[in-house]
Amino acid sequence: MPQFGHLPLILGPSGDKLSKRDGATSVIEYRKEGYIPHALLNYLARLGWSHGDQEIFSLSELIEHFSLEKIGTKGAIFDFEKLAWVNTVYLKEMTEEQILDAIIADVNTHFLTDQCVTRAADEVKQVIALYKERVKTLKQMACEIDLVFNGARERHEEDMQKWITADSRQHLEAVITVLEKQDLFDHDNCATVIKELATQLGVKLVNVLQPIRLALLGKASGPGVFDLLAVIGKEESVERLRVFCDTL
């Protein structure tokens, strides 16, 4: 006769039986949401089973260390934050090209050809490098890339209230003036002229940088402003700054 064993029931965050509202859906949906297949496998393998304090396992390690004796008896909570953390670990280990290929394969097959992203693959990879340690899923990465290349459709209200003052328009107009004069529009050159401008204006650098980031992305969080300016490019950056100034 076969011997039977039971894995612990997977429970929702509330401790009740996992429902669709809590995330009981097909693995294909998780893939479309931007979870890396092995990250999901890694997370599910750890639900109700452990091997010391180790959290991240290769497939060979899971095969090597798994044993029925280490399966728990209590229900296991499906923790989305933990799953997201595991996903970030795998994201950080991927190359920019692997991440781009995964976005195209799992999130949006027309990512490089549709109207959202019309930039060359090399430019997209530059943005991926900026966001690789900032996002939790491939879908979030795709959204951030779209934001960088196409600009914000709305502004984050709390960030606007925190960083925009009566002097912000004057500061941004000065930024536009110095940026327009730059022939070499890269990280280092943008950093030099904007830092010098902040000193001339007698304001903290952050009080210049955050309004610039709001103009470029519509929010005060994101990669370094000098990196953003370089990857967005001179013409588009200046245009977004002008449009933003007109709203202040």
Protein backbone atom coordinates (compact mmCIF):
# COMPACT_ATOMS: atom_id res chain seq x y z
CA MET A 1 0.00 0.00 0.00
CA PRO A 2 1.26 3.52 -0.73
CA GLN A 3 2.18 5.77 2.16
CA PHE A 4 0.43 9.13 2.26
CA GLY A 5 1.66 12.46 3.57
CA HIS A 6 0.06 15.90 3.64
CA LEU A 7 1.65 19.28 3.13
CA PRO A 8 0.30 22.04 5.42
CA LEU A 9 -2.68 23.94 4.08
CA ILE A 10 -1.79 27.31 2.52
CA LEU A 11 -3.63 30.08 4.35
CA GLY A 12 -4.35 33.70 3.49
CA PRO A 13 -2.85 36.62 5.44
CA SER A 14 -5.84 36.55 7.80
CA GLY A 15 -5.15 32.91 8.69
CA ASP A 16 -8.23 31.63 6.85
CA LYS A 17 -8.19 29.27 3.89
CA LEU A 18 -6.55 30.91 0.88
CA SER A 19 -9.11 32.51 -1.43
CA LYS A 20 -8.88 34.15 -4.84
CA ARG A 21 -8.94 37.50 -3.10
CA ASP A 22 -5.81 36.48 -1.21
CA GLY A 23 -3.99 35.21 -4.27
CA ALA A 24 -5.33 31.73 -4.99
CA THR A 25 -5.02 31.97 -8.76
CA SER A 26 -3.16 30.21 -11.56
CA VAL A 27 0.62 30.28 -11.73
CA ILE A 28 0.24 31.76 -15.22
CA GLU A 29 -1.33 34.87 -13.66
CA TYR A 30 1.64 35.25 -11.33
CA ARG A 31 3.91 35.03 -14.35
CA LYS A 32 1.91 37.73 -16.17
CA GLU A 33 2.17 39.92 -13.06
CA GLY A 34 5.93 39.73 -13.38
CA TYR A 35 6.97 37.06 -10.91
CA ILE A 36 9.97 35.08 -12.09
CA PRO A 37 9.11 31.36 -12.39
CA HIS A 38 11.95 30.09 -10.21
CA ALA A 39 11.26 32.77 -7.61
CA LEU A 40 7.68 31.51 -7.26
CA LEU A 41 8.95 27.92 -7.13
CA ASN A 42 11.46 28.89 -4.45
CA TYR A 43 8.78 30.64 -2.40
CA LEU A 44 6.24 27.81 -2.68
CA ALA A 45 8.87 25.23 -1.74
CA ARG A 46 9.47 27.11 1.52
CA LEU A 47 5.79 27.18 2.47
CA GLY A 48 5.49 24.59 5.20
CA TRP A 49 9.05 23.34 4.77
CA SER A 50 12.42 24.65 5.91
CA HIS A 51 16.12 23.96 5.79
CA GLY A 52 17.58 25.94 8.65
CA ASP A 53 17.38 29.67 8.00
CA GLN A 54 18.10 29.40 4.26
CA GLU A 55 15.55 31.24 2.13
CA ILE A 56 16.96 31.17 -1.40
CA PHE A 57 17.49 27.79 -3.08
CA SER A 58 18.57 26.69 -6.51
CA LEU A 59 16.60 23.82 -8.00
CA SER A 60 19.45 21.39 -7.26
CA GLU A 61 19.56 22.59 -3.64
CA LEU A 62 15.81 22.03 -3.24
CA ILE A 63 16.19 18.50 -4.57
CA GLU A 64 19.18 17.82 -2.35
CA HIS A 65 17.80 19.19 0.92
CA PHE A 66 14.07 18.39 0.77
CA SER A 67 12.84 15.79 3.24
CA LEU A 68 9.44 14.85 4.62
CA GLU A 69 10.78 15.13 8.17
CA LYS A 70 11.19 18.89 7.80
CA ILE A 71 7.61 19.56 6.72
CA GLY A 72 5.66 21.50 9.33
CA THR A 73 2.29 20.53 10.74
CA LYS A 74 0.68 23.97 10.94
CA GLY A 75 -0.91 25.87 8.09
CA ALA A 76 1.47 28.12 6.12
CA ILE A 77 0.63 31.80 5.55
CA PHE A 78 0.92 33.02 1.98
CA ASP A 79 2.84 36.27 2.46
CA PHE A 80 2.88 38.54 -0.61
CA GLU A 81 5.63 40.72 0.82
CA LYS A 82 7.85 37.67 1.29
CA LEU A 83 7.11 36.50 -2.24
CA ALA A 84 7.97 39.97 -3.57
CA TRP A 85 11.25 39.92 -1.63
CA VAL A 86 12.20 36.54 -3.07
CA ASN A 87 11.37 37.88 -6.53
CA THR A 88 13.68 40.88 -6.03
CA VAL A 89 16.55 38.54 -5.15
CA TYR A 90 16.19 36.79 -8.49
CA LEU A 91 15.70 40.07 -10.37
CA LYS A 92 18.97 41.46 -9.05
CA GLU A 93 20.83 38.38 -10.28
CA MET A 94 19.49 38.67 -13.84
CA THR A 95 21.23 40.65 -16.57
CA GLU A 96 19.50 43.60 -18.23
CA GLU A 97 19.05 41.50 -21.37
CA GLN A 98 17.49 38.61 -19.42
CA ILE A 99 15.06 41.01 -17.73
CA LEU A 100 14.06 42.56 -21.06
CA ASP A 101 13.56 39.11 -22.60
CA ALA A 102 11.43 38.07 -19.61
CA ILE A 103 9.25 41.19 -19.89
CA ILE A 104 8.64 40.45 -23.56
CA ALA A 105 7.98 36.76 -22.90
CA ASP A 106 5.73 37.07 -19.85
CA VAL A 107 4.37 40.61 -19.40
CA ASN A 108 4.02 42.25 -22.82
CA THR A 109 5.03 40.46 -26.01
CA HIS A 110 4.91 43.75 -27.94
CA PHE A 111 6.88 45.72 -25.36
CA LEU A 112 9.50 47.04 -27.79
CA THR A 113 7.15 47.60 -30.71
CA ASP A 114 3.95 49.01 -29.24
CA GLN A 115 3.23 52.68 -28.70
CA CYS A 116 4.36 52.60 -25.07
CA VAL A 117 8.04 52.00 -25.69
CA THR A 118 9.56 53.04 -29.02
CA ARG A 119 13.19 53.27 -27.89
CA ALA A 120 16.02 50.97 -28.98
CA ALA A 121 16.68 47.89 -26.88
CA ASP A 122 20.02 49.29 -25.67
CA GLU A 123 18.30 52.39 -24.28
CA VAL A 124 15.72 50.22 -22.53
CA LYS A 125 18.51 48.18 -20.94
CA GLN A 126 20.03 51.38 -19.54
CA VAL A 127 16.76 52.09 -17.73
CA ILE A 128 16.55 48.48 -16.52
CA ALA A 129 20.00 48.91 -14.97
CA LEU A 130 18.74 52.00 -13.10
CA TYR A 131 15.65 50.22 -11.74
CA LYS A 132 16.90 46.65 -11.24
CA GLU A 133 17.24 47.07 -7.48
CA ARG A 134 14.18 49.31 -7.11
CA VAL A 135 11.31 47.19 -8.41
CA LYS A 136 9.72 44.00 -7.11
CA THR A 137 8.32 42.49 -10.31
CA LEU A 138 8.87 42.49 -14.06
CA LYS A 139 5.51 44.23 -14.47
CA GLN A 140 6.65 47.08 -12.21
CA MET A 141 9.83 47.29 -14.27
CA ALA A 142 7.80 47.61 -17.47
CA CYS A 143 5.72 50.41 -15.93
CA GLU A 144 8.82 52.31 -14.80
CA ILE A 145 10.40 52.01 -18.24
CA ASP A 146 7.22 53.39 -19.79
CA LEU A 147 7.27 56.27 -17.29
CA VAL A 148 10.89 57.16 -18.05
CA PHE A 149 10.40 57.24 -21.81
CA ASN A 150 6.90 58.69 -21.99
CA GLY A 151 6.66 60.90 -18.92
CA ALA A 152 4.05 61.18 -16.20
CA ARG A 153 0.34 61.38 -16.90
CA GLU A 154 -0.24 62.82 -13.43
CA ARG A 155 1.79 64.20 -10.49
CA HIS A 156 2.05 62.71 -7.01
CA GLU A 157 0.12 65.20 -4.90
CA GLU A 158 1.96 64.64 -1.62
CA ASP A 159 5.33 64.97 -3.35
CA MET A 160 4.18 68.19 -4.98
CA GLN A 161 3.15 69.67 -1.64
CA LYS A 162 6.44 68.64 -0.04
CA TRP A 163 8.90 69.79 -2.70
CA ILE A 164 7.28 72.55 -4.74
CA THR A 165 7.64 76.06 -3.28
CA ALA A 166 7.13 79.61 -4.47
CA ASP A 167 10.71 79.57 -5.81
CA SER A 168 10.50 76.26 -7.67
CA ARG A 169 9.53 77.74 -11.02
CA GLN A 170 12.42 80.20 -10.92
CA HIS A 171 14.84 77.41 -10.02
CA LEU A 172 13.58 75.13 -12.81
CA GLU A 173 13.78 77.91 -15.39
CA ALA A 174 17.42 78.37 -14.36
CA VAL A 175 17.94 74.61 -14.74
CA ILE A 176 16.48 74.76 -18.25
CA THR A 177 18.85 77.59 -19.16
CA VAL A 178 22.00 75.73 -18.06
CA LEU A 179 20.91 72.41 -19.58
CA GLU A 180 20.16 73.97 -22.95
CA LYS A 181 23.78 75.18 -23.13
CA GLN A 182 25.24 71.70 -22.69
CA ASP A 183 26.61 69.96 -25.77
CA LEU A 184 27.61 66.86 -23.81
CA PHE A 185 24.47 65.67 -22.05
CA ASP A 186 25.71 62.87 -19.80
CA HIS A 187 25.56 62.07 -16.07
CA ASP A 188 28.77 63.84 -15.08
CA ASN A 189 28.16 67.01 -17.06
CA CYS A 190 24.57 67.34 -15.84
CA ALA A 191 25.77 66.78 -12.27
CA THR A 192 28.44 69.46 -12.54
CA VAL A 193 26.23 72.23 -13.93
CA ILE A 194 23.24 71.53 -11.66
CA LYS A 195 25.39 71.40 -8.52
CA GLU A 196 27.03 74.69 -9.51
CA LEU A 197 23.58 76.19 -10.13
CA ALA A 198 22.31 75.11 -6.70
CA THR A 199 25.33 76.83 -5.12
CA GLN A 200 24.66 80.02 -7.13
CA LEU A 201 20.99 79.98 -6.11
CA GLY A 202 21.96 79.46 -2.48
CA VAL A 203 19.69 76.44 -2.03
CA LYS A 204 20.25 72.83 -1.01
CA LEU A 205 20.86 70.54 -3.97
CA VAL A 206 17.90 68.32 -3.03
CA ASN A 207 15.55 71.32 -3.38
CA VAL A 208 16.59 71.55 -7.02
CA LEU A 209 16.76 67.84 -7.76
CA GLN A 210 13.34 66.83 -6.44
CA PRO A 211 11.40 69.34 -8.58
CA ILE A 212 13.41 68.12 -11.58
CA ARG A 213 12.46 64.52 -10.77
CA LEU A 214 8.82 65.58 -10.42
CA ALA A 215 9.03 67.19 -13.86
CA LEU A 216 10.57 64.06 -15.39
CA LEU A 217 8.60 61.31 -13.62
CA GLY A 218 5.71 62.97 -11.78
CA LYS A 219 7.00 61.71 -8.42
CA ALA A 220 9.89 62.39 -6.06
CA SER A 221 11.12 58.79 -5.89
CA GLY A 222 13.26 57.10 -8.47
CA PRO A 223 16.83 56.75 -9.71
CA GLY A 224 19.37 59.56 -9.54
CA VAL A 225 18.31 62.69 -11.40
CA PHE A 226 21.57 62.92 -13.34
CA ASP A 227 21.14 59.34 -14.57
CA LEU A 228 17.55 60.10 -15.59
CA LEU A 229 18.53 63.23 -17.51
CA ALA A 230 21.21 61.33 -19.40
CA VAL A 231 18.96 58.44 -20.41
CA ILE A 232 15.92 60.59 -21.28
CA GLY A 233 18.05 62.93 -23.34
CA LYS A 234 18.47 66.69 -23.63
CA GLU A 235 15.53 67.55 -25.87
CA GLU A 236 12.92 65.49 -24.02
CA SER A 237 14.22 66.47 -20.57
CA VAL A 238 14.09 70.19 -21.34
CA GLU A 239 10.61 69.81 -22.84
CA ARG A 240 9.27 68.09 -19.70
CA LEU A 241 10.83 70.78 -17.51
CA ARG A 242 9.16 73.50 -19.61
CA VAL A 243 5.76 71.82 -19.48
CA PHE A 244 6.09 71.37 -15.72
CA CYS A 245 7.07 75.01 -15.24
CA ASP A 246 3.95 76.10 -17.10
CA THR A 247 1.81 74.29 -14.50
CA LEU A 248 3.38 76.04 -11.51
